Structure formats: structure tokens, C-alpha cells
Protein backbone atom coordinates (compact mmCIF):
# COMPACT_ATOMS: atom_id res chain seq x y z
CA UNK A 1 -36.59 98.83 -10.19
CA UNK A 2 -33.06 99.54 -8.89
CA UNK A 3 -32.04 103.18 -9.06
CA UNK A 4 -28.43 104.41 -8.91
CA UNK A 5 -27.55 107.94 -7.78
CA UNK A 6 -24.12 109.47 -7.18
CA UNK A 7 -24.08 111.64 -4.05
CA UNK A 8 -21.36 113.86 -2.61
CA UNK A 9 -18.54 115.84 -4.17
CA UNK A 10 -14.99 114.65 -3.58
CA UNK A 11 -14.90 110.86 -3.09
CA UNK A 12 -18.65 110.40 -3.70
CA UNK A 13 -20.87 107.54 -2.62
CA UNK A 14 -23.20 105.50 -4.79
CA UNK A 15 -26.74 105.50 -3.42
CA UNK A 16 -28.71 102.42 -4.46
CA UNK A 17 -32.50 102.48 -4.04
CA UNK A 18 -34.25 99.11 -4.21
CA UNK A 19 -37.93 98.17 -4.31
CA UNK A 20 -39.10 94.95 -2.72
CA UNK A 21 -37.78 91.99 -4.72
CA UNK A 22 -34.94 93.99 -6.30
CA UNK A 23 -31.35 92.79 -6.27
CA UNK A 24 -28.09 94.55 -7.08
CA UNK A 25 -24.58 93.19 -7.60
CA UNK A 26 -21.73 94.98 -5.82
CA UNK A 27 -18.00 94.45 -5.63
CA UNK A 28 -16.76 92.85 -2.41
CA UNK A 29 -16.27 95.30 0.51
CA UNK A 30 -18.17 98.06 -1.34
CA UNK A 31 -21.06 98.29 1.13
CA UNK A 32 -20.84 101.30 3.48
CA UNK A 33 -24.34 101.26 5.00
CA UNK A 34 -27.79 99.88 4.23
CA UNK A 35 -31.29 99.74 5.63
CA UNK A 36 -32.04 96.85 7.97
CA UNK A 37 -34.70 95.42 5.64
CA UNK A 38 -32.02 94.70 3.04
CA UNK A 39 -29.84 91.59 3.08
CA UNK A 40 -26.22 91.16 2.00
CA UNK A 41 -25.16 87.86 0.49
CA UNK A 42 -21.97 86.55 -1.11
CA UNK A 43 -22.37 84.35 -4.16
CA UNK A 44 -20.21 82.93 -6.94
CA UNK A 45 -22.04 84.63 -9.79
CA UNK A 46 -22.34 82.78 -13.08
CA UNK A 47 -21.25 79.45 -11.62
CA UNK A 48 -17.97 78.21 -10.22
CA UNK A 49 -16.02 78.26 -13.50
CA UNK A 50 -16.86 81.89 -14.30
CA UNK A 51 -16.06 82.90 -10.73
CA UNK A 52 -12.69 81.13 -10.90
CA UNK A 53 -11.97 82.91 -14.19
CA UNK A 54 -12.74 86.30 -12.63
CA UNK A 55 -10.51 85.56 -9.66
CA UNK A 56 -7.46 83.91 -11.19
CA UNK A 57 -7.49 85.32 -14.72
CA UNK A 58 -8.53 88.88 -13.94
CA UNK A 59 -7.75 89.30 -10.22
CA UNK A 60 -11.38 90.00 -9.34
CA UNK A 61 -13.01 88.60 -6.22
CA UNK A 62 -14.33 85.01 -6.37
CA UNK A 63 -17.45 85.93 -4.42
CA UNK A 64 -19.42 89.03 -5.26
CA UNK A 65 -21.96 90.72 -3.04
CA UNK A 66 -25.67 90.76 -3.72
CA UNK A 67 -27.78 93.30 -1.89
CA UNK A 68 -31.39 92.14 -1.90
CA UNK A 69 -34.64 93.79 -0.85
CA UNK A 70 -36.35 90.65 0.41
CA UNK A 71 -38.51 92.18 3.16
CA UNK A 72 -39.24 95.60 1.69
CA UNK A 73 -37.81 98.66 -0.09
CA UNK A 74 -34.61 100.24 1.17
CA UNK A 75 -31.40 102.06 0.32
CA UNK A 76 -27.72 101.14 0.44
CA UNK A 77 -24.56 103.24 0.21
CA UNK A 78 -21.62 101.86 -1.74
CA UNK A 79 -18.06 103.15 -2.11
CA UNK A 80 -15.05 102.02 -4.16
CA UNK A 81 -11.98 100.58 -2.46
CA UNK A 82 -9.73 103.42 -3.64
CA UNK A 83 -10.53 107.15 -3.40
CA UNK A 84 -12.00 108.59 -6.55
CA UNK A 85 -14.92 109.40 -8.78
CA UNK A 86 -17.92 107.27 -9.78
CA UNK A 87 -19.79 107.09 -13.09
CA UNK A 88 -22.98 105.26 -14.08
CA UNK A 89 -23.02 103.62 -17.51
CA UNK A 90 -26.10 102.44 -19.42
CA UNK A 91 -25.53 98.94 -20.78
CA UNK A 92 -27.53 97.40 -23.63
CA UNK A 93 -27.02 98.79 -27.11
CA UNK A 94 -23.57 99.83 -25.88
CA UNK A 95 -21.33 97.40 -23.97
CA UNK A 96 -18.10 98.21 -22.13
CA UNK A 97 -14.72 96.78 -21.24
CA UNK A 98 -13.58 97.49 -17.67
CA UNK A 99 -10.07 97.95 -16.33
CA UNK A 100 -8.95 96.13 -13.18
CA UNK A 101 -10.66 97.51 -10.09
CA UNK A 102 -13.11 99.71 -12.04
CA UNK A 103 -16.26 97.70 -11.31
CA UNK A 104 -18.37 98.92 -8.39
CA UNK A 105 -21.96 97.74 -8.89
CA UNK A 106 -24.45 96.56 -11.50
CA UNK A 107 -28.16 95.96 -11.80
CA UNK A 108 -29.29 92.35 -11.83
CA UNK A 109 -29.62 91.85 -15.61
CA UNK A 110 -26.04 92.99 -16.33
CA UNK A 111 -23.54 90.15 -16.71
CA UNK A 112 -19.76 90.46 -16.26
CA UNK A 113 -17.83 88.16 -18.56
CA UNK A 114 -14.13 87.39 -18.96
CA UNK A 115 -12.71 88.23 -22.38
CA UNK A 116 -9.26 87.60 -23.86
CA UNK A 117 -7.34 90.66 -25.04
CA UNK A 118 -4.32 89.04 -26.67
CA UNK A 119 -0.69 88.38 -25.76
CA UNK A 120 0.82 91.76 -26.66
CA UNK A 121 -1.70 93.82 -24.71
CA UNK A 122 -1.36 91.50 -21.72
CA UNK A 123 2.44 91.54 -21.48
CA UNK A 124 2.92 95.29 -21.61
CA UNK A 125 -0.50 96.59 -20.58
CA UNK A 126 -1.76 97.48 -17.14
CA UNK A 127 -5.49 97.18 -17.64
CA UNK A 128 -6.32 93.53 -17.05
CA UNK A 129 -3.62 91.05 -18.10
CA UNK A 130 -4.45 88.30 -20.58
CA UNK A 131 -8.12 88.52 -19.69
CA UNK A 132 -10.31 91.53 -19.04
CA UNK A 133 -13.83 92.13 -17.79
CA UNK A 134 -16.62 92.96 -20.22
CA UNK A 135 -20.30 93.75 -19.74
CA UNK A 136 -23.25 91.90 -21.26
CA UNK A 137 -27.03 92.16 -20.91
CA UNK A 138 -29.08 95.29 -20.21
CA UNK A 139 -29.18 97.68 -17.27
CA UNK A 140 -26.68 99.93 -15.54
CA UNK A 141 -23.16 99.46 -14.24
CA UNK A 142 -21.34 101.79 -11.85
CA UNK A 143 -17.59 102.17 -12.29
CA UNK A 144 -14.97 104.03 -10.28
CA UNK A 145 -11.57 105.56 -11.00
CA UNK A 146 -8.65 106.86 -8.97
CA UNK A 147 -9.17 110.63 -8.81
CA UNK A 148 -11.71 112.40 -11.03
CA UNK A 149 -13.24 110.75 -14.11
CA UNK A 150 -13.66 112.39 -17.51
CA UNK A 151 -15.46 111.05 -20.56
CA UNK A 152 -13.72 111.24 -23.94
CA UNK A 153 -15.24 110.57 -27.37
CA UNK A 154 -13.51 108.79 -30.24
CA UNK A 155 -14.85 109.83 -33.66
CA UNK A 156 -14.46 107.96 -36.98
CA UNK A 157 -11.08 108.67 -38.54
CA UNK A 158 -9.64 109.85 -35.21
CA UNK A 159 -6.85 108.20 -33.22
CA UNK A 160 -6.82 108.69 -29.46
CA UNK A 161 -3.88 107.68 -27.24
CA UNK A 162 -4.68 106.82 -23.62
CA UNK A 163 -2.10 106.07 -20.93
CA UNK A 164 -3.20 102.64 -19.74
CA UNK A 165 -2.68 103.62 -16.07
CA UNK A 166 -5.51 106.16 -16.40
CA UNK A 167 -8.00 103.96 -18.22
CA UNK A 168 -11.30 103.14 -16.48
CA UNK A 169 -13.71 101.78 -19.11
CA UNK A 170 -14.23 101.93 -22.86
CA UNK A 171 -16.79 101.11 -25.53
CA UNK A 172 -16.44 97.44 -26.48
CA UNK A 173 -16.82 98.30 -30.19
CA UNK A 174 -13.64 100.39 -30.22
CA UNK A 175 -10.50 98.94 -31.80
CA UNK A 176 -7.36 99.35 -29.72
CA UNK A 177 -3.72 98.37 -29.86
CA UNK A 178 -0.82 98.75 -27.49
CA UNK A 179 2.07 101.08 -28.28
CA UNK A 180 4.79 103.09 -26.54
CA UNK A 181 4.27 106.84 -26.36
CA UNK A 182 7.52 108.19 -27.75
CA UNK A 183 8.84 109.66 -30.95
CA UNK A 184 11.87 107.34 -31.03
CA UNK A 185 11.99 104.82 -33.86
CA UNK A 186 12.68 101.16 -33.34
CA UNK A 187 11.53 99.01 -30.43
CA UNK A 188 14.80 99.35 -28.46
CA UNK A 189 14.84 103.13 -28.87
CA UNK A 190 11.21 103.35 -27.79
CA UNK A 191 11.81 101.24 -24.68
CA UNK A 192 14.91 103.21 -23.63
CA UNK A 193 13.27 106.58 -24.24
CA UNK A 194 10.15 105.43 -22.40
CA UNK A 195 12.20 104.73 -19.28
CA UNK A 196 14.32 107.88 -19.41
CA UNK A 197 11.55 110.38 -20.19
CA UNK A 198 8.69 108.84 -18.23
CA UNK A 199 6.70 108.19 -21.38
CA UNK A 200 4.93 104.89 -20.89
CA UNK A 201 2.78 102.27 -22.53
CA UNK A 202 -0.38 103.67 -24.10
CA UNK A 203 -3.40 102.24 -25.85
CA UNK A 204 -4.22 103.56 -29.32
CA UNK A 205 -7.99 103.68 -29.86
CA UNK A 206 -9.82 103.93 -33.19
CA UNK A 207 -13.43 103.67 -34.24
CA UNK A 208 -16.46 105.34 -32.70
CA UNK A 209 -17.39 105.30 -29.02
CA UNK A 210 -16.54 106.73 -25.64
CA UNK A 211 -13.75 106.17 -23.14
CA UNK A 212 -13.66 106.95 -19.42
CA UNK A 213 -10.31 108.01 -17.96
CA UNK A 214 -9.30 108.98 -14.42
CA UNK A 215 -6.97 111.77 -13.34
CA UNK A 216 -4.70 109.63 -11.16
CA UNK A 217 -2.49 106.66 -12.02
CA UNK A 218 -2.71 104.00 -9.31
CA UNK A 219 0.53 102.33 -10.35
CA UNK A 220 2.42 105.62 -10.40
CA UNK A 221 1.00 106.56 -7.01
CA UNK A 222 2.10 103.25 -5.47
CA UNK A 223 5.58 103.69 -6.97
CA UNK A 224 5.78 107.14 -5.36
CA UNK A 225 4.75 105.73 -1.95
CA UNK A 226 7.38 102.99 -2.13
CA UNK A 227 10.04 105.52 -3.18
CA UNK A 228 9.20 107.68 -0.16
CA UNK A 229 9.49 104.67 2.14
CA UNK A 230 12.88 103.79 0.69
CA UNK A 231 14.02 107.39 1.13
CA UNK A 232 12.94 107.40 4.78
CA UNK A 233 14.79 104.11 5.41
CA UNK A 234 17.95 105.49 3.80
CA UNK A 235 17.79 108.64 5.97
CA UNK A 236 17.34 106.56 9.15
CA UNK A 237 20.27 104.32 8.24
CA UNK A 238 22.50 107.34 7.74
């Protein structure tokens, strides 16, 4: 039986313990180290069509890594591509939707499917485009977020607004719609105020379930890096 354990403090690693015959699915380039008895293989999981859908509709890798304990038990260390926290989610009675880049690893009986999330969410959202990844089956899935991760709970009758740049994963049973986080009325007023105040696109969640959010916004961080590069170029030109 595959066992997941999060080790370390800041920027933790995911320790995966496998018995002989076990197999675990990991995102491409996630492997940091592993015992020599384990093998690492790249496969198009779920067939060619599902792999193409993950790659071109959701910007996930076409090939995913399988770590297999063919010769005997062993351990592997996995890490996300961006610095940040890791959480382990139990999948079965509760299924999850995953934002782009959140998937790290999953036990063998967990399936990752491509689900449509509608035109409006795709055009203005930042969590997966027209299609988004969802879990199926039973087991565990490890997800990562930029910065630290915190779990929030949505209760019946409650509305919770989440900035889509901080979203990691959410309960698939939750209802959500896209809106702009501003008090201005009218679409034009909302769009203008969103740009001038920094208030952005948010997702409005209702129902009952949990949501995982991360402390850092990858898009905002990249914008800051590019702005610093442009500033340095302007200074050099002067």
C-alpha cells in the first residue's frame, strides 16, 4: 500500500513509501530522489485521447510519471515545480477540482479527468481555462500551492469569495460562479474599478465542502518580476 508523508518545514517534500508491486502517479519532473529498486516510467495515462485533453485543453503534461516498486519496497521524494506547501487529500466519498499546476502525485486508483467549466469562468478565470482537472476513484492525491496552504470550509447558507489566483483545490460538490470583487455597479464600472484598485476576478462559492487556498499568487508574482526587469532596462537605457 502506498503511503504519503509530508516532510520538512518551508518548501516541504512529499515522501512516498511503496511496497513491492505498488505504483504511484507523479507529475512530470516531480521526482527528487528514489531508491534504486524503484523504476520511473513515463506513460500517457488513460489513453492517447485523455492525455491529449490534459495537455492541450488544460496545459498539463502529455506524459505523466509512474514510480513503480517492481523489484522490492522503497521510498521516493517528490517536490512541486514551484516553491510552496503540500497537502494530501483523501479521494472517494469526496472528489476535488484542481487548479492548474496543483497536482503533484496520486495513488494508483485515483483517476484525473478533464471537465468543462463553462465559457464565462474560462474567459475571465485563472484556474484552468475552458477545461479543468477533476479527481475520480478512491485513494489519495497530493496537491501543492505557491506559498503556504490553508484549508477553508464553506457551510450551507454561506458565500465565500476566493481570489482565483490563490485557489489550489476545492470540493467538486461546491457550486461556484465567477464575479469581480468590487462594490461598483454595472459591468463597466466593475472592470474599471478592478483595474484601478487592484481588485480582481474572484470565484463565489456556495454549498458545503472545503477549499484549499495558497498564500501567494503566481500570476501576480510573475507580473512583479517582469515589472522589475522592465525597470532595470529603463534605468540602463537612461
